[in-house]
Amino acid sequence: MEKSADGRLIYAVGTVRNSSDHERFGVKVDLDVLDHEGDKIGSATDYTQVLEPEKEWKFRALVTDRKAAQAKLADIKEEN
């Protein structure tokens, strides 16, 4: 979890790596947002149009619940 400089916004951040030898298109991460007890209190998503082969994408998904303590990867998809 990362707070913006002014402290008003919270982001779930992480890295996805394309370890294949071809481009991935329309990559979307779905995250479960958890409170301090580990209970799911919401979700967050981020999207990139293209993820090049052997490259990393540093996603940054906006979290809307101020009680959020952590995020867990729920799903990662590629659009067809």
N, C-alpha and C. Protein backbone atom coordinates (compact mmCIF):
# COMPACT_ATOMS: atom_id res chain seq x y z
N MET A 1 0.85 -1.16 0.00
CA MET A 1 0.00 0.00 0.00
C MET A 1 0.90 1.23 0.00
N GLU A 2 0.47 2.23 -0.71
CA GLU A 2 1.24 3.46 -0.84
C GLU A 2 0.28 4.64 -0.77
N LYS A 3 0.65 5.65 0.01
CA LYS A 3 -0.16 6.86 0.09
C LYS A 3 0.42 7.92 -0.83
N SER A 4 -0.48 8.75 -1.38
CA SER A 4 -0.03 9.86 -2.21
C SER A 4 0.68 10.89 -1.33
N ALA A 5 1.38 11.79 -1.94
CA ALA A 5 2.17 12.80 -1.21
C ALA A 5 1.31 13.62 -0.25
N ASP A 6 0.08 13.93 -0.66
CA ASP A 6 -0.80 14.73 0.22
C ASP A 6 -1.55 13.85 1.22
N GLY A 7 -1.42 12.52 1.11
CA GLY A 7 -2.04 11.60 2.06
C GLY A 7 -3.52 11.35 1.84
N ARG A 8 -4.08 11.89 0.78
CA ARG A 8 -5.52 11.73 0.54
C ARG A 8 -5.86 10.44 -0.21
N LEU A 9 -4.97 9.99 -1.05
CA LEU A 9 -5.23 8.82 -1.86
C LEU A 9 -4.35 7.66 -1.43
N ILE A 10 -4.88 6.45 -1.57
CA ILE A 10 -4.14 5.23 -1.24
C ILE A 10 -4.11 4.35 -2.49
N TYR A 11 -2.95 3.78 -2.76
CA TYR A 11 -2.79 2.90 -3.92
C TYR A 11 -2.25 1.54 -3.47
N ALA A 12 -2.73 0.50 -4.12
CA ALA A 12 -2.12 -0.82 -3.98
C ALA A 12 -1.11 -0.91 -5.12
N VAL A 13 0.12 -1.19 -4.79
CA VAL A 13 1.18 -1.21 -5.80
C VAL A 13 1.86 -2.58 -5.83
N GLY A 14 2.39 -2.91 -6.97
CA GLY A 14 3.10 -4.17 -7.14
C GLY A 14 3.68 -4.26 -8.53
N THR A 15 4.25 -5.41 -8.84
CA THR A 15 4.91 -5.61 -10.12
C THR A 15 4.44 -6.90 -10.75
N VAL A 16 4.16 -6.83 -12.05
CA VAL A 16 3.82 -8.00 -12.85
C VAL A 16 4.91 -8.13 -13.92
N ARG A 17 5.42 -9.33 -14.10
CA ARG A 17 6.46 -9.56 -15.10
C ARG A 17 5.92 -10.47 -16.20
N ASN A 18 6.17 -10.06 -17.44
CA ASN A 18 5.85 -10.89 -18.60
C ASN A 18 7.09 -11.73 -18.90
N SER A 19 7.09 -12.97 -18.45
CA SER A 19 8.25 -13.83 -18.65
C SER A 19 8.19 -14.61 -19.96
N SER A 20 7.19 -14.30 -20.78
CA SER A 20 7.08 -14.98 -22.07
C SER A 20 7.91 -14.25 -23.13
N ASP A 21 7.95 -14.84 -24.33
CA ASP A 21 8.70 -14.22 -25.42
C ASP A 21 7.78 -13.49 -26.41
N HIS A 22 6.55 -13.18 -25.98
CA HIS A 22 5.64 -12.41 -26.84
C HIS A 22 4.87 -11.38 -26.02
N GLU A 23 4.37 -10.35 -26.72
CA GLU A 23 3.64 -9.28 -26.06
C GLU A 23 2.33 -9.79 -25.48
N ARG A 24 1.91 -9.15 -24.41
CA ARG A 24 0.60 -9.40 -23.82
C ARG A 24 -0.21 -8.12 -23.97
N PHE A 25 -1.46 -8.26 -24.38
CA PHE A 25 -2.30 -7.10 -24.65
C PHE A 25 -3.48 -7.04 -23.69
N GLY A 26 -3.78 -5.83 -23.21
CA GLY A 26 -4.94 -5.63 -22.34
C GLY A 26 -4.80 -6.38 -21.03
N VAL A 27 -3.69 -6.19 -20.34
CA VAL A 27 -3.44 -6.90 -19.08
C VAL A 27 -4.12 -6.15 -17.93
N LYS A 28 -4.90 -6.89 -17.14
CA LYS A 28 -5.64 -6.29 -16.02
C LYS A 28 -5.37 -7.09 -14.75
N VAL A 29 -5.04 -6.38 -13.67
CA VAL A 29 -4.90 -7.03 -12.37
C VAL A 29 -6.13 -6.68 -11.53
N ASP A 30 -6.67 -7.69 -10.86
CA ASP A 30 -7.77 -7.52 -9.91
C ASP A 30 -7.21 -7.85 -8.53
N LEU A 31 -7.43 -6.94 -7.60
CA LEU A 31 -6.90 -7.10 -6.25
C LEU A 31 -8.02 -7.11 -5.23
N ASP A 32 -7.88 -7.96 -4.22
CA ASP A 32 -8.75 -7.91 -3.05
C ASP A 32 -8.12 -6.96 -2.05
N VAL A 33 -8.88 -6.01 -1.56
CA VAL A 33 -8.40 -5.05 -0.57
C VAL A 33 -8.83 -5.55 0.80
N LEU A 34 -7.87 -5.63 1.72
CA LEU A 34 -8.10 -6.21 3.03
C LEU A 34 -7.88 -5.19 4.14
N ASP A 35 -8.59 -5.38 5.26
CA ASP A 35 -8.39 -4.53 6.43
C ASP A 35 -7.26 -5.11 7.29
N HIS A 36 -7.07 -4.54 8.46
CA HIS A 36 -5.99 -4.98 9.35
C HIS A 36 -6.17 -6.41 9.85
N GLU A 37 -7.41 -6.91 9.86
CA GLU A 37 -7.66 -8.28 10.30
C GLU A 37 -7.59 -9.29 9.16
N GLY A 38 -7.37 -8.78 7.94
CA GLY A 38 -7.30 -9.68 6.79
C GLY A 38 -8.63 -9.95 6.13
N ASP A 39 -9.68 -9.23 6.53
CA ASP A 39 -11.00 -9.39 5.93
C ASP A 39 -11.11 -8.53 4.68
N LYS A 40 -11.75 -9.08 3.66
CA LYS A 40 -11.94 -8.34 2.41
C LYS A 40 -12.93 -7.21 2.62
N ILE A 41 -12.51 -6.00 2.25
CA ILE A 41 -13.38 -4.83 2.40
C ILE A 41 -13.62 -4.12 1.07
N GLY A 42 -13.02 -4.63 0.01
CA GLY A 42 -13.21 -4.01 -1.29
C GLY A 42 -12.31 -4.63 -2.33
N SER A 43 -12.23 -3.95 -3.46
CA SER A 43 -11.38 -4.43 -4.54
C SER A 43 -10.77 -3.23 -5.26
N ALA A 44 -9.75 -3.51 -6.03
CA ALA A 44 -9.08 -2.47 -6.81
C ALA A 44 -8.56 -3.12 -8.09
N THR A 45 -8.42 -2.33 -9.14
CA THR A 45 -7.92 -2.86 -10.42
C THR A 45 -6.96 -1.86 -11.05
N ASP A 46 -6.13 -2.38 -11.92
CA ASP A 46 -5.30 -1.55 -12.79
C ASP A 46 -5.17 -2.27 -14.12
N TYR A 47 -4.78 -1.52 -15.14
CA TYR A 47 -4.80 -2.02 -16.51
C TYR A 47 -3.65 -1.41 -17.28
N THR A 48 -3.04 -2.20 -18.15
CA THR A 48 -2.06 -1.67 -19.09
C THR A 48 -2.40 -2.23 -20.47
N GLN A 49 -2.21 -1.43 -21.50
CA GLN A 49 -2.56 -1.85 -22.85
C GLN A 49 -1.62 -2.93 -23.38
N VAL A 50 -0.31 -2.75 -23.14
CA VAL A 50 0.67 -3.70 -23.67
C VAL A 50 1.72 -3.97 -22.61
N LEU A 51 2.09 -5.24 -22.48
CA LEU A 51 3.20 -5.64 -21.62
C LEU A 51 4.18 -6.39 -22.51
N GLU A 52 5.33 -5.76 -22.75
CA GLU A 52 6.34 -6.30 -23.66
C GLU A 52 6.98 -7.57 -23.09
N PRO A 53 7.54 -8.42 -23.97
CA PRO A 53 8.21 -9.64 -23.51
C PRO A 53 9.36 -9.32 -22.56
N GLU A 54 9.48 -10.12 -21.51
CA GLU A 54 10.56 -10.00 -20.53
C GLU A 54 10.62 -8.64 -19.83
N LYS A 55 9.50 -7.93 -19.80
CA LYS A 55 9.44 -6.61 -19.14
C LYS A 55 8.54 -6.68 -17.91
N GLU A 56 8.69 -5.69 -17.04
CA GLU A 56 7.87 -5.59 -15.84
C GLU A 56 6.93 -4.40 -15.95
N TRP A 57 5.78 -4.55 -15.35
CA TRP A 57 4.79 -3.47 -15.25
C TRP A 57 4.58 -3.21 -13.77
N LYS A 58 4.82 -1.98 -13.36
CA LYS A 58 4.59 -1.58 -11.98
C LYS A 58 3.19 -0.99 -11.90
N PHE A 59 2.24 -1.82 -11.45
CA PHE A 59 0.86 -1.35 -11.39
C PHE A 59 0.63 -0.50 -10.14
N ARG A 60 -0.42 0.32 -10.23
CA ARG A 60 -0.78 1.24 -9.16
C ARG A 60 -2.29 1.39 -9.18
N ALA A 61 -2.98 0.62 -8.34
CA ALA A 61 -4.44 0.58 -8.33
C ALA A 61 -5.00 1.44 -7.22
N LEU A 62 -5.90 2.34 -7.56
CA LEU A 62 -6.51 3.22 -6.58
C LEU A 62 -7.40 2.43 -5.62
N VAL A 63 -7.21 2.66 -4.32
CA VAL A 63 -8.00 2.01 -3.27
C VAL A 63 -8.93 3.07 -2.68
N THR A 64 -10.21 2.76 -2.60
CA THR A 64 -11.18 3.78 -2.16
C THR A 64 -11.53 3.68 -0.68
N ASP A 65 -11.21 2.59 -0.03
CA ASP A 65 -11.54 2.43 1.40
C ASP A 65 -10.35 2.82 2.26
N ARG A 66 -10.53 3.80 3.10
CA ARG A 66 -9.43 4.31 3.94
C ARG A 66 -9.01 3.33 5.04
N LYS A 67 -9.82 2.28 5.27
CA LYS A 67 -9.46 1.26 6.27
C LYS A 67 -8.53 0.20 5.68
N ALA A 68 -8.19 0.32 4.41
CA ALA A 68 -7.36 -0.68 3.74
C ALA A 68 -5.98 -0.76 4.37
N ALA A 69 -5.54 -2.00 4.60
CA ALA A 69 -4.22 -2.24 5.19
C ALA A 69 -3.31 -2.98 4.22
N GLN A 70 -3.91 -3.79 3.35
CA GLN A 70 -3.12 -4.56 2.40
C GLN A 70 -3.98 -4.97 1.22
N ALA A 71 -3.32 -5.46 0.19
CA ALA A 71 -4.04 -5.95 -0.99
C ALA A 71 -3.43 -7.29 -1.40
N LYS A 72 -4.29 -8.14 -1.96
CA LYS A 72 -3.86 -9.47 -2.38
C LYS A 72 -4.33 -9.67 -3.82
N LEU A 73 -3.46 -10.23 -4.65
CA LEU A 73 -3.82 -10.50 -6.04
C LEU A 73 -4.95 -11.50 -6.10
N ALA A 74 -6.05 -11.12 -6.75
CA ALA A 74 -7.19 -12.02 -6.91
C ALA A 74 -7.17 -12.68 -8.29
N ASP A 75 -6.76 -11.89 -9.31
CA ASP A 75 -6.78 -12.40 -10.68
C ASP A 75 -5.94 -11.51 -11.58
N ILE A 76 -5.42 -12.11 -12.62
CA ILE A 76 -4.73 -11.35 -13.66
C ILE A 76 -5.22 -11.92 -14.99
N LYS A 77 -5.63 -11.02 -15.89
CA LYS A 77 -6.23 -11.43 -17.14
C LYS A 77 -5.61 -10.69 -18.31
N GLU A 78 -5.70 -11.32 -19.46
CA GLU A 78 -5.31 -10.68 -20.71
C GLU A 78 -6.53 -10.67 -21.62
N GLU A 79 -6.85 -9.49 -22.17
CA GLU A 79 -7.99 -9.41 -23.09
C GLU A 79 -7.63 -10.10 -24.39
N ASN A 80 -8.62 -10.68 -25.03
CA ASN A 80 -8.40 -11.35 -26.31
C ASN A 80 -9.00 -10.55 -27.44
